[in-house]
C-alpha cells in the first residue's frame, strides 16, 4: 500500500487466534492535550481513537472509490459496511473492520471490504497502535499506513504490510522524487554500542513513481510480527516515532508491551532498538513527508498480492480464491486503540 492499558488477553484475541469470531474496549476519543512526563521527553496525548470513534465519520472517513492497487475489493461506505456486518464495535469495545466472508461470488468479482482514514492529518508525532488481530491468508493484503496528498509527493509510511502467507511484516517508506532524493541510511548515526535497527534492509531508494514503487524497506525477522503468528499471541502494539531525527518503528508482542505504553506515558528512549529506522541524515523529511492521514484497509489480490500469489503456496488463482467467502474468515482487523502523541 502504495496501540494500551494493562490488558489481559481478551476473548476476542483468543477466539480469533484459534479460528473463530470473538468478542472484542470502548472509550471515547480524547482530543485533549494531556502532558505526560517520560524519562526521555515530554509527550502530549492529542488523539486517542477507540471503539465507536472508528464508526464516527467526523473522525474516520470510509473510502468508497476504486482500489488504487487494482485489488478485487469493493470498499463500502460506513452505512453499507455496518449493514453488511463488516464494520462494528464488539461487546468489549474492540472494533472489527473485516472483509466479507459469507458471500460466494463469480470468478473475478469484487468482494466487500473496508478502508478508513482519519479526517485529521499529521506531520510528526509518536503513534501507538494496539491490535488484537490483523487480517491474513491467501489473497489478503492488509495495511496500517499513512499517506499525504498528491501521492507520492507528500510521502507514504507503511507500518504493517504483507500479502498472502507472508510470515513477517514489512516496514516501508515511499517518497516523491522531487526536492532531492530520499534514501535509507544503512549506517545511521547512533550512540556507540547502540543498535540502530533490528530488521533486515530490503532496499534503500525511497523515491517512488507509479512504475517503480518498491520504496525503501525493512523486513522484520520475527514471525510474530505479521498475520497468523501475530494473532496467535493475541496481537500487540506497533509504534512509530516521526520527528526531526527521522522515522523509527517498533513492534511489541502482547506480553512484551512496555509499561510506559500501558500507563499512557510512552518513553521511546527506554525501549529496545527499533525494528526499522530511517535517519534524517539521508532524507529531508519535512519536504517529503507531511499532512498524512492514518489509514487502515484490507484489499484482496491486486499489485503485490497478485505478483506474489503463484509462489505463495496458495491454491487456485487469486481471482478464483476470492470467489469463496469462507476463505476470508480471518481477514479482519480487531482494533483496541490508536493513540497519537506529540
C-alpha atoms as a PDB file:
ATOM      1  CA  UNK A   1       0.000   0.000   0.000  1.00  0.00           C
ATOM      2  CA  UNK A   2       1.273   2.146  -2.416  1.00  0.00           C
ATOM      3  CA  UNK A   3      -1.862   0.834  20.401  1.00  0.00           C
ATOM      4  CA  UNK A   4      -2.665   0.246  25.859  1.00  0.00           C
ATOM      5  CA  UNK A   5      -3.819  -0.113  29.406  1.00  0.00           C
ATOM      6  CA  UNK A   6      -2.700  -3.278  31.159  1.00  0.00           C
ATOM      7  CA  UNK A   7      -4.994  -5.706  29.384  1.00  0.00           C
ATOM      8  CA  UNK A   8      -5.446  -9.400  29.775  1.00  0.00           C
ATOM      9  CA  UNK A   9      -5.851 -11.238  26.510  1.00  0.00           C
ATOM     10  CA  UNK A  10      -9.459 -10.632  25.604  1.00  0.00           C
ATOM     11  CA  UNK A  11     -11.880 -13.240  24.377  1.00  0.00           C
ATOM     12  CA  UNK A  12     -11.658 -11.504  21.024  1.00  0.00           C
ATOM     13  CA  UNK A  13      -7.970 -12.144  20.571  1.00  0.00           C
ATOM     14  CA  UNK A  14      -8.118 -15.709  21.840  1.00  0.00           C
ATOM     15  CA  UNK A  15     -11.113 -16.617  19.729  1.00  0.00           C
ATOM     16  CA  UNK A  16      -9.751 -15.099  16.559  1.00  0.00           C
ATOM     17  CA  UNK A  17      -6.360 -16.706  17.014  1.00  0.00           C
ATOM     18  CA  UNK A  18      -7.966 -20.106  17.468  1.00  0.00           C
ATOM     19  CA  UNK A  19     -10.154 -19.756  14.417  1.00  0.00           C
ATOM     20  CA  UNK A  20     -13.486 -18.251  15.460  1.00  0.00           C
ATOM     21  CA  UNK A  21     -15.024 -14.838  15.656  1.00  0.00           C
ATOM     22  CA  UNK A  22     -14.746 -13.432  19.140  1.00  0.00           C
ATOM     23  CA  UNK A  23     -15.998 -10.572  21.150  1.00  0.00           C
ATOM     24  CA  UNK A  24     -13.598  -7.689  21.381  1.00  0.00           C
ATOM     25  CA  UNK A  25     -12.905  -1.814  24.574  1.00  0.00           C
ATOM     26  CA  UNK A  26     -14.982   1.202  24.424  1.00  0.00           C
ATOM     27  CA  UNK A  27     -13.655   4.601  25.431  1.00  0.00           C
ATOM     28  CA  UNK A  28     -14.255   7.980  23.998  1.00  0.00           C
ATOM     29  CA  UNK A  29     -11.962   9.686  21.572  1.00  0.00           C
ATOM     30  CA  UNK A  30      -9.826  12.003  23.654  1.00  0.00           C
ATOM     31  CA  UNK A  31      -8.846  15.160  21.863  1.00  0.00           C
ATOM     32  CA  UNK A  32      -7.182  16.954  24.713  1.00  0.00           C
ATOM     33  CA  UNK A  33      -3.570  17.843  25.350  1.00  0.00           C
ATOM     34  CA  UNK A  34      -2.610  15.812  28.404  1.00  0.00           C
ATOM     35  CA  UNK A  35       1.073  16.288  29.163  1.00  0.00           C
ATOM     36  CA  UNK A  36       2.867  13.192  30.354  1.00  0.00           C
ATOM     37  CA  UNK A  37       6.371  13.121  31.720  1.00  0.00           C
ATOM     38  CA  UNK A  38       8.553  10.481  30.141  1.00  0.00           C
ATOM     39  CA  UNK A  39      12.152   9.920  31.085  1.00  0.00           C
ATOM     40  CA  UNK A  40      13.423  10.988  27.678  1.00  0.00           C
ATOM     41  CA  UNK A  41      10.912  13.643  26.712  1.00  0.00           C
ATOM     42  CA  UNK A  42       7.504  15.071  27.477  1.00  0.00           C
ATOM     43  CA  UNK A  43       4.749  13.894  25.142  1.00  0.00           C
ATOM     44  CA  UNK A  44       1.229  15.266  24.827  1.00  0.00           C
ATOM     45  CA  UNK A  45      -1.625  12.887  24.097  1.00  0.00           C
ATOM     46  CA  UNK A  46      -3.505  14.703  21.356  1.00  0.00           C
ATOM     47  CA  UNK A  47      -5.749  11.971  19.897  1.00  0.00           C
ATOM     48  CA  UNK A  48      -6.937   8.581  21.089  1.00  0.00           C
ATOM     49  CA  UNK A  49      -9.183   6.592  18.758  1.00  0.00           C
ATOM     50  CA  UNK A  50     -11.111   3.709  20.296  1.00  0.00           C
ATOM     51  CA  UNK A  51     -14.372   1.766  19.862  1.00  0.00           C
ATOM     52  CA  UNK A  52     -17.099   3.937  18.316  1.00  0.00           C
ATOM     53  CA  UNK A  53     -14.556   6.554  17.256  1.00  0.00           C
ATOM     54  CA  UNK A  54     -13.893   4.312  14.246  1.00  0.00           C
ATOM     55  CA  UNK A  55     -17.620   4.476  13.375  1.00  0.00           C
ATOM     56  CA  UNK A  56     -17.657   8.292  13.638  1.00  0.00           C
ATOM     57  CA  UNK A  57     -17.318   9.786  10.173  1.00  0.00           C
ATOM     58  CA  UNK A  58     -16.241  13.128  11.601  1.00  0.00           C
ATOM     59  CA  UNK A  59     -13.078  11.296  12.727  1.00  0.00           C
ATOM     60  CA  UNK A  60     -12.655   8.485  10.174  1.00  0.00           C
ATOM     61  CA  UNK A  61     -13.675   8.588   6.523  1.00  0.00           C
ATOM     62  CA  UNK A  62     -14.833   5.441   4.735  1.00  0.00           C
ATOM     63  CA  UNK A  63     -13.234   5.313   1.295  1.00  0.00           C
ATOM     64  CA  UNK A  64     -15.576   4.133  -1.470  1.00  0.00           C
ATOM     65  CA  UNK A  65     -13.532   4.641  -4.634  1.00  0.00           C
ATOM     66  CA  UNK A  66     -11.839   2.002  -6.799  1.00  0.00           C
ATOM     67  CA  UNK A  67      -8.937   0.274  -5.077  1.00  0.00           C
ATOM     68  CA  UNK A  68      -5.704   2.073  -6.104  1.00  0.00           C
ATOM     69  CA  UNK A  69      -3.802  -1.240  -6.149  1.00  0.00           C
ATOM     70  CA  UNK A  70      -6.332  -2.852  -8.534  1.00  0.00           C
ATOM     71  CA  UNK A  71      -7.461  -5.291  -5.868  1.00  0.00           C
ATOM     72  CA  UNK A  72     -10.601  -7.419  -6.087  1.00  0.00           C
ATOM     73  CA  UNK A  73     -12.476  -5.424  -3.465  1.00  0.00           C
ATOM     74  CA  UNK A  74     -15.422  -3.060  -3.255  1.00  0.00           C
ATOM     75  CA  UNK A  75     -14.871  -0.590  -0.435  1.00  0.00           C
ATOM     76  CA  UNK A  76     -18.134   0.172   1.364  1.00  0.00           C
ATOM     77  CA  UNK A  77     -19.413   3.333   2.990  1.00  0.00           C
ATOM     78  CA  UNK A  78     -19.849   3.296   6.755  1.00  0.00           C
ATOM     79  CA  UNK A  79     -23.588   2.755   6.444  1.00  0.00           C
ATOM     80  CA  UNK A  80     -23.174  -0.104   3.977  1.00  0.00           C
ATOM     81  CA  UNK A  81     -20.275  -1.701   5.871  1.00  0.00           C
ATOM     82  CA  UNK A  82     -22.276  -1.621   9.115  1.00  0.00           C
ATOM     83  CA  UNK A  83     -25.306  -3.128   7.407  1.00  0.00           C
ATOM     84  CA  UNK A  84     -23.119  -5.828   5.836  1.00  0.00           C
ATOM     85  CA  UNK A  85     -21.618  -6.689   9.238  1.00  0.00           C
ATOM     86  CA  UNK A  86     -18.019  -5.894   8.307  1.00  0.00           C
ATOM     87  CA  UNK A  87     -17.556  -2.730  10.424  1.00  0.00           C
ATOM     88  CA  UNK A  88     -18.764  -2.864  14.021  1.00  0.00           C
ATOM     89  CA  UNK A  89     -17.868  -2.464  17.696  1.00  0.00           C
ATOM     90  CA  UNK A  90     -17.941  -5.639  19.808  1.00  0.00           C
ATOM     91  CA  UNK A  91     -19.288  -6.090  23.335  1.00  0.00           C
ATOM     92  CA  UNK A  92     -15.848  -5.482  24.881  1.00  0.00           C
ATOM     93  CA  UNK A  93     -15.456  -2.303  22.790  1.00  0.00           C
ATOM     94  CA  UNK A  94     -12.843  -3.519  20.351  1.00  0.00           C
ATOM     95  CA  UNK A  95     -13.523  -2.593  16.747  1.00  0.00           C
ATOM     96  CA  UNK A  96     -13.750  -5.048  13.853  1.00  0.00           C
ATOM     97  CA  UNK A  97     -13.018  -3.992  10.276  1.00  0.00           C
ATOM     98  CA  UNK A  98     -13.386  -7.037   8.061  1.00  0.00           C
ATOM     99  CA  UNK A  99     -13.677  -8.474   4.586  1.00  0.00           C
ATOM    100  CA  UNK A 100     -16.991 -10.137   3.696  1.00  0.00           C
ATOM    101  CA  UNK A 101     -16.622 -13.843   4.500  1.00  0.00           C
ATOM    102  CA  UNK A 102     -20.173 -15.088   3.923  1.00  0.00           C
ATOM    103  CA  UNK A 103     -20.929 -14.398   0.252  1.00  0.00           C
ATOM    104  CA  UNK A 104     -19.828 -16.521  -2.686  1.00  0.00           C
ATOM    105  CA  UNK A 105     -19.062 -14.578  -5.878  1.00  0.00           C
ATOM    106  CA  UNK A 106     -18.490 -15.229  -9.524  1.00  0.00           C
ATOM    107  CA  UNK A 107     -14.884 -15.534 -10.635  1.00  0.00           C
ATOM    108  CA  UNK A 108     -13.301 -12.069 -10.925  1.00  0.00           C
ATOM    109  CA  UNK A 109     -15.979 -10.236  -8.937  1.00  0.00           C
ATOM    110  CA  UNK A 110     -15.036  -7.794  -6.197  1.00  0.00           C
ATOM    111  CA  UNK A 111     -15.554  -8.716  -2.531  1.00  0.00           C
ATOM    112  CA  UNK A 112     -16.804  -6.180   0.030  1.00  0.00           C
ATOM    113  CA  UNK A 113     -14.151  -4.698   2.300  1.00  0.00           C
ATOM    114  CA  UNK A 114     -13.348  -1.588   4.347  1.00  0.00           C
ATOM    115  CA  UNK A 115     -10.771   1.173   4.044  1.00  0.00           C
ATOM    116  CA  UNK A 116     -10.804   4.032   6.570  1.00  0.00           C
ATOM    117  CA  UNK A 117      -8.661   7.132   7.031  1.00  0.00           C
ATOM    118  CA  UNK A 118      -8.524   9.903   9.612  1.00  0.00           C
ATOM    119  CA  UNK A 119     -10.091  13.255   8.832  1.00  0.00           C
ATOM    120  CA  UNK A 120      -7.210  14.831  10.745  1.00  0.00           C
ATOM    121  CA  UNK A 121      -3.721  14.970   9.261  1.00  0.00           C
ATOM    122  CA  UNK A 122      -0.317  14.651  10.943  1.00  0.00           C
ATOM    123  CA  UNK A 123       3.182  15.784  10.006  1.00  0.00           C
ATOM    124  CA  UNK A 124       5.037  14.307  13.003  1.00  0.00           C
ATOM    125  CA  UNK A 125       4.278  12.531  16.249  1.00  0.00           C
ATOM    126  CA  UNK A 126       4.504   9.336  18.279  1.00  0.00           C
ATOM    127  CA  UNK A 127       1.877   6.871  17.086  1.00  0.00           C
ATOM    128  CA  UNK A 128       0.807   3.835  19.160  1.00  0.00           C
ATOM    129  CA  UNK A 129      -1.474   1.250  17.511  1.00  0.00           C
ATOM    130  CA  UNK A 130      -2.811  -1.692  19.534  1.00  0.00           C
ATOM    131  CA  UNK A 131      -4.351  -4.544  17.552  1.00  0.00           C
ATOM    132  CA  UNK A 132      -5.699  -7.828  18.901  1.00  0.00           C
ATOM    133  CA  UNK A 133      -5.654  -9.283  15.383  1.00  0.00           C
ATOM    134  CA  UNK A 134      -4.853  -8.399  11.796  1.00  0.00           C
ATOM    135  CA  UNK A 135      -6.122  -9.876   8.518  1.00  0.00           C
ATOM    136  CA  UNK A 136      -4.165 -12.728   6.997  1.00  0.00           C
ATOM    137  CA  UNK A 137      -4.449 -15.539   4.470  1.00  0.00           C
ATOM    138  CA  UNK A 138      -4.248 -16.270   0.775  1.00  0.00           C
ATOM    139  CA  UNK A 139      -5.165 -13.311  -1.413  1.00  0.00           C
ATOM    140  CA  UNK A 140      -5.191 -10.931   1.575  1.00  0.00           C
ATOM    141  CA  UNK A 141      -3.232  -7.660   1.576  1.00  0.00           C
ATOM    142  CA  UNK A 142      -3.742  -5.705   4.836  1.00  0.00           C
ATOM    143  CA  UNK A 143      -2.027  -2.448   5.722  1.00  0.00           C
ATOM    144  CA  UNK A 144      -1.726   0.033   8.593  1.00  0.00           C
ATOM    145  CA  UNK A 145      -0.181   3.083   6.998  1.00  0.00           C
ATOM    146  CA  UNK A 146      -0.346   6.814   6.379  1.00  0.00           C
ATOM    147  CA  UNK A 147      -0.189   8.942   3.273  1.00  0.00           C
ATOM    148  CA  UNK A 148      -0.068  12.601   2.317  1.00  0.00           C
ATOM    149  CA  UNK A 149      -1.736  14.499  -0.523  1.00  0.00           C
ATOM    150  CA  UNK A 150      -0.784  14.108  -4.172  1.00  0.00           C
ATOM    151  CA  UNK A 151       0.843  10.675  -3.763  1.00  0.00           C
ATOM    152  CA  UNK A 152       3.737  10.079  -3.631  1.00  0.00           C
ATOM    153  CA  UNK A 153       4.928  13.682  -3.281  1.00  0.00           C
ATOM    154  CA  UNK A 154       3.937  14.031   0.407  1.00  0.00           C
ATOM    155  CA  UNK A 155       5.112  10.518   1.166  1.00  0.00           C
ATOM    156  CA  UNK A 156       3.715   7.225   2.410  1.00  0.00           C
ATOM    157  CA  UNK A 157       4.612   5.430   5.657  1.00  0.00           C
ATOM    158  CA  UNK A 158       3.793   1.701   5.829  1.00  0.00           C
ATOM    159  CA  UNK A 159       3.891   0.347   9.396  1.00  0.00           C
ATOM    160  CA  UNK A 160       2.134  -3.001   8.805  1.00  0.00           C
ATOM    161  CA  UNK A 161       2.031  -4.613   5.393  1.00  0.00           C
ATOM    162  CA  UNK A 162       2.237  -8.068   3.895  1.00  0.00           C
ATOM    163  CA  UNK A 163       0.449 -10.363   1.462  1.00  0.00           C
ATOM    164  CA  UNK A 164      -0.830 -13.926   1.212  1.00  0.00           C
ATOM    165  CA  UNK A 165       1.076 -16.278   3.523  1.00  0.00           C
ATOM    166  CA  UNK A 166       3.928 -13.871   4.293  1.00  0.00           C
ATOM    167  CA  UNK A 167       5.116 -14.810   7.809  1.00  0.00           C
ATOM    168  CA  UNK A 168       6.760 -11.487   8.693  1.00  0.00           C
ATOM    169  CA  UNK A 169       5.991  -7.781   8.468  1.00  0.00           C
ATOM    170  CA  UNK A 170       7.429  -5.273   6.032  1.00  0.00           C
ATOM    171  CA  UNK A 171       8.086  -1.628   7.003  1.00  0.00           C
ATOM    172  CA  UNK A 172       8.364   0.777   4.050  1.00  0.00           C
ATOM    173  CA  UNK A 173       8.660   4.454   3.157  1.00  0.00           C
ATOM    174  CA  UNK A 174       7.707   5.894  -0.210  1.00  0.00           C
ATOM    175  CA  UNK A 175       8.736   9.414  -1.177  1.00  0.00           C
ATOM    176  CA  UNK A 176       8.294  11.669  -4.179  1.00  0.00           C
ATOM    177  CA  UNK A 177      11.249  12.179  -6.461  1.00  0.00           C
ATOM    178  CA  UNK A 178      11.231  15.993  -6.172  1.00  0.00           C
ATOM    179  CA  UNK A 179      13.256  18.162  -3.781  1.00  0.00           C
ATOM    180  CA  UNK A 180      16.226  15.808  -3.852  1.00  0.00           C
ATOM    181  CA  UNK A 181      16.391  12.095  -3.322  1.00  0.00           C
ATOM    182  CA  UNK A 182      15.344  10.315  -0.143  1.00  0.00           C
ATOM    183  CA  UNK A 183      17.248   7.188   0.825  1.00  0.00           C
ATOM    184  CA  UNK A 184      17.632   4.757   3.712  1.00  0.00           C
ATOM    185  CA  UNK A 185      20.937   5.185   5.546  1.00  0.00           C
ATOM    186  CA  UNK A 186      22.086   1.662   6.446  1.00  0.00           C
ATOM    187  CA  UNK A 187      24.604   3.034   8.944  1.00  0.00           C
ATOM    188  CA  UNK A 188      22.774   5.925  10.652  1.00  0.00           C
ATOM    189  CA  UNK A 189      24.354   7.924  13.477  1.00  0.00           C
ATOM    190  CA  UNK A 190      23.550   6.327  16.849  1.00  0.00           C
ATOM    191  CA  UNK A 191      25.439   6.339  20.161  1.00  0.00           C
ATOM    192  CA  UNK A 192      28.341   3.916  20.441  1.00  0.00           C
ATOM    193  CA  UNK A 193      27.204   0.424  21.358  1.00  0.00           C
ATOM    194  CA  UNK A 194      23.581   1.127  20.388  1.00  0.00           C
ATOM    195  CA  UNK A 195      21.913  -0.950  17.706  1.00  0.00           C
ATOM    196  CA  UNK A 196      20.341   1.254  15.021  1.00  0.00           C
ATOM    197  CA  UNK A 197      17.676  -1.263  13.965  1.00  0.00           C
ATOM    198  CA  UNK A 198      16.916  -4.988  14.151  1.00  0.00           C
ATOM    199  CA  UNK A 199      15.119  -5.720  10.869  1.00  0.00           C
ATOM    200  CA  UNK A 200      16.693  -6.604   7.552  1.00  0.00           C
ATOM    201  CA  UNK A 201      17.150  -3.912   4.900  1.00  0.00           C
ATOM    202  CA  UNK A 202      15.354  -4.714   1.647  1.00  0.00           C
ATOM    203  CA  UNK A 203      16.021  -1.551  -0.362  1.00  0.00           C
ATOM    204  CA  UNK A 204      17.435   1.922   0.196  1.00  0.00           C
ATOM    205  CA  UNK A 205      15.871   4.081  -2.540  1.00  0.00           C
ATOM    206  CA  UNK A 206      12.677   5.668  -1.190  1.00  0.00           C
ATOM    207  CA  UNK A 207      11.849   7.583  -4.378  1.00  0.00           C
ATOM    208  CA  UNK A 208       8.624   6.238  -5.811  1.00  0.00           C
ATOM    209  CA  UNK A 209       6.757   6.517  -9.080  1.00  0.00           C
ATOM    210  CA  UNK A 210       3.788   4.547 -10.435  1.00  0.00           C
ATOM    211  CA  UNK A 211       6.302   2.433 -12.350  1.00  0.00           C
ATOM    212  CA  UNK A 212       8.867   1.906  -9.559  1.00  0.00           C
ATOM    213  CA  UNK A 213       7.085   1.702  -6.224  1.00  0.00           C
ATOM    214  CA  UNK A 214       9.142  -0.650  -4.040  1.00  0.00           C
ATOM    215  CA  UNK A 215      10.272   2.186  -1.765  1.00  0.00           C
ATOM    216  CA  UNK A 216      12.927   1.817   0.938  1.00  0.00           C
ATOM    217  CA  UNK A 217      12.032  -1.041   3.229  1.00  0.00           C
ATOM    218  CA  UNK A 218      12.862  -3.384   6.091  1.00  0.00           C
ATOM    219  CA  UNK A 219      11.713  -6.956   6.661  1.00  0.00           C
ATOM    220  CA  UNK A 220      11.077  -7.885  10.304  1.00  0.00           C
ATOM    221  CA  UNK A 221      12.708 -11.250  11.054  1.00  0.00           C
ATOM    222  CA  UNK A 222      10.189 -12.086  13.807  1.00  0.00           C
ATOM    223  CA  UNK A 223       7.370 -14.477  12.759  1.00  0.00           C
ATOM    224  CA  UNK A 224       5.135 -12.834  15.386  1.00  0.00           C
ATOM    225  CA  UNK A 225       5.241  -9.513  13.522  1.00  0.00           C
ATOM    226  CA  UNK A 226       2.575 -10.341  10.942  1.00  0.00           C
ATOM    227  CA  UNK A 227      -0.507 -12.400  10.198  1.00  0.00           C
ATOM    228  CA  UNK A 228      -1.160 -15.726  11.897  1.00  0.00           C
ATOM    229  CA  UNK A 229       1.913 -15.502  14.134  1.00  0.00           C
ATOM    230  CA  UNK A 230       0.866 -12.069  15.373  1.00  0.00           C
ATOM    231  CA  UNK A 231      -2.708 -13.194  16.044  1.00  0.00           C
ATOM    232  CA  UNK A 232      -1.711 -16.367  17.899  1.00  0.00           C
ATOM    233  CA  UNK A 233      -0.143 -14.223  20.637  1.00  0.00           C
ATOM    234  CA  UNK A 234      -3.211 -12.022  20.990  1.00  0.00           C
ATOM    235  CA  UNK A 235      -1.703  -9.341  18.773  1.00  0.00           C
ATOM    236  CA  UNK A 236       0.330  -6.499  20.184  1.00  0.00           C
ATOM    237  CA  UNK A 237       1.467  -2.947  19.577  1.00  0.00           C
ATOM    238  CA  UNK A 238       3.114  -1.223  16.657  1.00  0.00           C
ATOM    239  CA  UNK A 239       4.643   2.148  17.496  1.00  0.00           C
ATOM    240  CA  UNK A 240       6.357   4.655  15.280  1.00  0.00           C
ATOM    241  CA  UNK A 241       8.099   7.911  16.102  1.00  0.00           C
ATOM    242  CA  UNK A 242       8.232  10.580  13.408  1.00  0.00           C
ATOM    243  CA  UNK A 243      10.397  13.521  14.474  1.00  0.00           C
ATOM    244  CA  UNK A 244      13.410  15.611  13.457  1.00  0.00           C
ATOM    245  CA  UNK A 245      15.745  12.594  13.628  1.00  0.00           C
ATOM    246  CA  UNK A 246      13.705  10.604  11.102  1.00  0.00           C
ATOM    247  CA  UNK A 247      11.216   7.749  11.491  1.00  0.00           C
ATOM    248  CA  UNK A 248      11.598   4.762  13.826  1.00  0.00           C
ATOM    249  CA  UNK A 249       9.239   1.769  14.110  1.00  0.00           C
ATOM    250  CA  UNK A 250       8.774  -0.851  16.851  1.00  0.00           C
ATOM    251  CA  UNK A 251       6.695  -3.994  17.229  1.00  0.00           C
ATOM    252  CA  UNK A 252       5.865  -5.319  20.723  1.00  0.00           C
ATOM    253  CA  UNK A 253       4.207  -8.684  21.273  1.00  0.00           C
ATOM    254  CA  UNK A 254       1.225  -8.591  23.652  1.00  0.00           C
ATOM    255  CA  UNK A 255       3.201  -9.918  26.630  1.00  0.00           C
ATOM    256  CA  UNK A 256       6.110  -7.521  25.935  1.00  0.00           C
ATOM    257  CA  UNK A 257       4.334  -4.161  25.664  1.00  0.00           C
ATOM    258  CA  UNK A 258       6.360  -1.666  27.724  1.00  0.00           C
ATOM    259  CA  UNK A 259       4.771  -0.493  30.964  1.00  0.00           C
ATOM    260  CA  UNK A 260       5.118   3.151  29.905  1.00  0.00           C
ATOM    261  CA  UNK A 261       2.879   2.473  26.895  1.00  0.00           C
ATOM    262  CA  UNK A 262       0.362   0.655  29.064  1.00  0.00           C
ATOM    263  CA  UNK A 263       0.256   3.573  31.509  1.00  0.00           C
ATOM    264  CA  UNK A 264      -0.170   6.151  28.742  1.00  0.00           C
ATOM    265  CA  UNK A 265       3.299   7.640  29.313  1.00  0.00           C
ATOM    266  CA  UNK A 266       5.312   6.364  26.336  1.00  0.00           C
ATOM    267  CA  UNK A 267       9.078   6.828  26.518  1.00  0.00           C
ATOM    268  CA  UNK A 268      10.784   5.603  23.325  1.00  0.00           C
ATOM    269  CA  UNK A 269      14.212   6.244  24.858  1.00  0.00           C
ATOM    270  CA  UNK A 270      13.567   3.366  27.264  1.00  0.00           C
ATOM    271  CA  UNK A 271      12.550   0.894  24.550  1.00  0.00           C
ATOM    272  CA  UNK A 272      14.792  -1.601  22.788  1.00  0.00           C
ATOM    273  CA  UNK A 273      16.282  -0.800  19.403  1.00  0.00           C
ATOM    274  CA  UNK A 274      13.615  -0.145  16.787  1.00  0.00           C
ATOM    275  CA  UNK A 275      12.861  -2.714  14.131  1.00  0.00           C
ATOM    276  CA  UNK A 276      13.265  -0.022  11.475  1.00  0.00           C
ATOM    277  CA  UNK A 277      14.941   3.392  11.353  1.00  0.00           C
ATOM    278  CA  UNK A 278      15.095   5.890   8.510  1.00  0.00           C
ATOM    279  CA  UNK A 279      17.505   8.648   9.519  1.00  0.00           C
ATOM    280  CA  UNK A 280      17.098  12.300   8.540  1.00  0.00           C
ATOM    281  CA  UNK A 281      20.777  12.240   7.530  1.00  0.00           C
ATOM    282  CA  UNK A 282      19.742  10.877   4.133  1.00  0.00           C
ATOM    283  CA  UNK A 283      16.236  12.321   3.726  1.00  0.00           C
ATOM    284  CA  UNK A 284      14.738  15.786   4.133  1.00  0.00           C
ATOM    285  CA  UNK A 285      11.596  14.565   5.892  1.00  0.00           C
ATOM    286  CA  UNK A 286       9.691  17.889   6.085  1.00  0.00           C
ATOM    287  CA  UNK A 287       9.770  18.223   2.295  1.00  0.00           C
ATOM    288  CA  UNK A 288       8.992  14.551   1.580  1.00  0.00           C
ATOM    289  CA  UNK A 289       6.550  13.569   4.363  1.00  0.00           C
ATOM    290  CA  UNK A 290       3.733  15.833   5.565  1.00  0.00           C
ATOM    291  CA  UNK A 291      -0.042  16.145   6.088  1.00  0.00           C
ATOM    292  CA  UNK A 292      -0.603  12.417   6.498  1.00  0.00           C
ATOM    293  CA  UNK A 293      -3.923  10.719   7.079  1.00  0.00           C
ATOM    294  CA  UNK A 294      -3.757   7.493   9.111  1.00  0.00           C
ATOM    295  CA  UNK A 295      -5.193   4.562   7.136  1.00  0.00           C
ATOM    296  CA  UNK A 296      -6.390   1.008   7.819  1.00  0.00           C
ATOM    297  CA  UNK A 297      -7.500  -1.212   4.969  1.00  0.00           C
ATOM    298  CA  UNK A 298      -7.635  -4.720   3.573  1.00  0.00           C
ATOM    299  CA  UNK A 299      -7.535  -5.343  -0.139  1.00  0.00           C
ATOM    300  CA  UNK A 300      -7.520  -8.676  -1.978  1.00  0.00           C
ATOM    301  CA  UNK A 301      -5.190  -9.656  -4.795  1.00  0.00           C
ATOM    302  CA  UNK A 302      -4.045  -6.717  -6.924  1.00  0.00           C
ATOM    303  CA  UNK A 303      -0.479  -5.419  -7.292  1.00  0.00           C
ATOM    304  CA  UNK A 304       1.877  -7.071  -4.814  1.00  0.00           C
ATOM    305  CA  UNK A 305      -0.547  -9.817  -3.735  1.00  0.00           C
ATOM    306  CA  UNK A 306      -1.110 -10.891  -7.347  1.00  0.00           C
ATOM    307  CA  UNK A 307       2.583 -10.990  -8.207  1.00  0.00           C
ATOM    308  CA  UNK A 308       3.384 -12.965  -5.033  1.00  0.00           C
ATOM    309  CA  UNK A 309       0.472 -15.394  -5.361  1.00  0.00           C
ATOM    310  CA  UNK A 310       1.973 -18.028  -7.733  1.00  0.00           C
ATOM    311  CA  UNK A 311       4.885 -18.628  -5.334  1.00  0.00           C
ATOM    312  CA  UNK A 312       2.926 -18.282  -2.072  1.00  0.00           C
ATOM    313  CA  UNK A 313       1.722 -21.864  -1.694  1.00  0.00           C
ATOM    314  CA  UNK A 314      -1.873 -20.696  -2.099  1.00  0.00           C
ATOM    315  CA  UNK A 315      -4.351 -22.729  -4.182  1.00  0.00           C
ATOM    316  CA  UNK A 316      -6.060 -21.832  -7.466  1.00  0.00           C
ATOM    317  CA  UNK A 317      -5.563 -18.359  -8.881  1.00  0.00           C
ATOM    318  CA  UNK A 318      -6.076 -15.306  -6.722  1.00  0.00           C
ATOM    319  CA  UNK A 319      -9.284 -14.404  -8.581  1.00  0.00           C
ATOM    320  CA  UNK A 320     -10.643 -17.920  -8.136  1.00  0.00           C
ATOM    321  CA  UNK A 321      -9.761 -17.922  -4.430  1.00  0.00           C
ATOM    322  CA  UNK A 322     -11.565 -14.614  -3.863  1.00  0.00           C
ATOM    323  CA  UNK A 323     -14.827 -16.095  -5.129  1.00  0.00           C
ATOM    324  CA  UNK A 324     -15.389 -18.241  -1.996  1.00  0.00           C
ATOM    325  CA  UNK A 325     -16.468 -16.257   1.044  1.00  0.00           C
ATOM    326  CA  UNK A 326     -15.368 -18.710   3.734  1.00  0.00           C
ATOM    327  CA  UNK A 327     -11.762 -18.270   2.588  1.00  0.00           C
ATOM    328  CA  UNK A 328     -11.755 -14.898   4.370  1.00  0.00           C
ATOM    329  CA  UNK A 329     -12.931 -15.686   7.889  1.00  0.00           C
ATOM    330  CA  UNK A 330      -9.561 -14.489   9.233  1.00  0.00           C
ATOM    331  CA  UNK A 331      -9.450 -11.352   7.069  1.00  0.00           C
ATOM    332  CA  UNK A 332     -10.284  -8.858   9.797  1.00  0.00           C
ATOM    333  CA  UNK A 333      -8.711  -6.179  11.930  1.00  0.00           C
ATOM    334  CA  UNK A 334      -9.569  -6.275  15.639  1.00  0.00           C
ATOM    335  CA  UNK A 335      -8.531  -2.860  16.929  1.00  0.00           C
ATOM    336  CA  UNK A 336      -8.068  -1.910  20.574  1.00  0.00           C
ATOM    337  CA  UNK A 337      -6.964   1.693  20.059  1.00  0.00           C
ATOM    338  CA  UNK A 338      -4.776   4.068  18.100  1.00  0.00           C
ATOM    339  CA  UNK A 339      -3.162   6.932  20.027  1.00  0.00           C
ATOM    340  CA  UNK A 340      -1.194   9.936  18.821  1.00  0.00           C
ATOM    341  CA  UNK A 341       1.257  11.869  20.990  1.00  0.00           C
ATOM    342  CA  UNK A 342       3.204  14.988  20.120  1.00  0.00           C
END
